[in-house]
Protein backbone atom coordinates (compact mmCIF):
# COMPACT_ATOMS: atom_id res chain seq x y z
CA MET A 1 -2.13 -6.47 31.29
CA SER A 2 -0.17 -3.84 29.48
CA ASN A 3 2.97 -4.81 27.61
CA ASN A 4 5.52 -1.97 27.72
CA ASN A 5 7.58 -3.06 24.75
CA LYS A 6 9.77 -0.27 23.33
CA SER A 7 9.41 -1.58 19.79
CA GLU A 8 5.66 -0.90 19.76
CA THR A 9 4.43 2.00 17.67
CA LYS A 10 2.64 4.74 19.55
CA GLN A 11 -0.24 6.36 17.68
CA SER A 12 -0.43 10.11 17.65
CA PRO A 13 -3.52 11.81 19.07
CA SER A 14 -3.82 13.45 15.64
CA LEU A 15 -4.98 10.09 14.21
CA GLY A 16 -8.19 10.16 16.23
CA GLY A 17 -9.28 6.78 14.86
CA ILE A 18 -9.12 7.99 11.27
CA LYS A 19 -8.50 5.19 8.81
CA GLY A 20 -6.31 6.27 5.95
CA PRO A 21 -2.72 6.95 4.99
CA ARG A 22 -0.31 7.46 7.86
CA LEU A 23 3.31 8.38 8.35
CA ARG A 24 5.47 6.27 10.64
CA VAL A 25 8.23 8.54 11.99
CA THR A 26 11.30 7.22 13.84
CA LEU A 27 13.93 9.36 15.53
CA ILE A 28 17.31 8.13 14.25
CA LYS A 29 19.61 11.01 15.18
CA SER A 30 19.72 13.02 18.40
CA PRO A 31 18.56 16.63 18.12
CA THR A 32 20.78 17.64 21.05
CA LYS A 33 23.35 19.62 19.06
CA PHE A 34 20.81 21.19 16.71
CA ASN A 35 18.95 24.44 17.22
CA GLU A 36 16.05 24.82 19.63
CA ARG A 37 13.46 25.08 16.89
CA GLN A 38 14.37 21.65 15.52
CA LYS A 39 14.34 20.17 19.03
CA ARG A 40 10.84 21.52 19.55
CA THR A 41 9.68 20.15 16.20
CA VAL A 42 10.96 16.68 17.11
CA ARG A 43 9.19 16.95 20.47
CA ALA A 44 5.97 18.17 18.78
CA LEU A 45 6.06 15.04 16.61
CA GLY A 46 5.84 13.06 19.85
CA LEU A 47 9.42 11.78 19.77
CA LYS A 48 11.15 11.74 23.14
CA ARG A 49 13.97 9.22 22.76
CA MET A 50 16.18 7.66 20.15
CA HIS A 51 14.64 4.92 17.97
CA GLN A 52 11.15 5.77 19.21
CA THR A 53 8.46 5.43 16.54
CA VAL A 54 5.15 7.29 16.29
CA GLU A 55 2.43 7.40 13.67
CA HIS A 56 0.75 10.55 12.37
CA ALA A 57 -2.07 11.10 9.92
CA ASP A 58 -0.60 11.87 6.52
CA GLY A 59 -1.29 15.52 5.81
CA PRO A 60 0.41 18.82 5.08
CA VAL A 61 1.06 19.65 8.74
CA ALA A 62 2.81 16.36 9.53
CA ARG A 63 4.72 16.40 6.24
CA GLY A 64 5.91 19.96 6.87
CA MET A 65 7.17 19.09 10.34
CA VAL A 66 8.95 16.00 9.03
CA ALA A 67 10.54 18.03 6.21
CA LYS A 68 12.05 20.46 8.74
CA VAL A 69 13.77 17.64 10.65
CA ALA A 70 14.31 15.17 7.79
CA HIS A 71 17.99 14.84 8.74
CA LEU A 72 16.97 13.55 12.20
CA VAL A 73 14.12 11.17 11.39
CA GLU A 74 13.26 8.23 9.17
CA VAL A 75 9.80 8.25 7.58
CA GLU A 76 7.75 5.36 6.25
CA GLU A 77 4.37 5.66 4.57
CA VAL A 78 1.77 3.24 5.93
CA LYS A 79 -1.45 2.48 4.09
């Protein structure tokens, strides 16, 4: 059976089973009152709701996206 616990971390499709450094990104501030580009970046990171956490492979693309919305997210490096 599937356990739909909100505190679980969802893995990004960009991980593709790759073992290596990852970024755990959590949405801590609502992008509602920010510009459309930042809303789309948050959505592209796979974040739909507040306090949702996703993991992405650590690379220049993910880091660039996180840098653009750093004021909205919390990032943790996972080995």
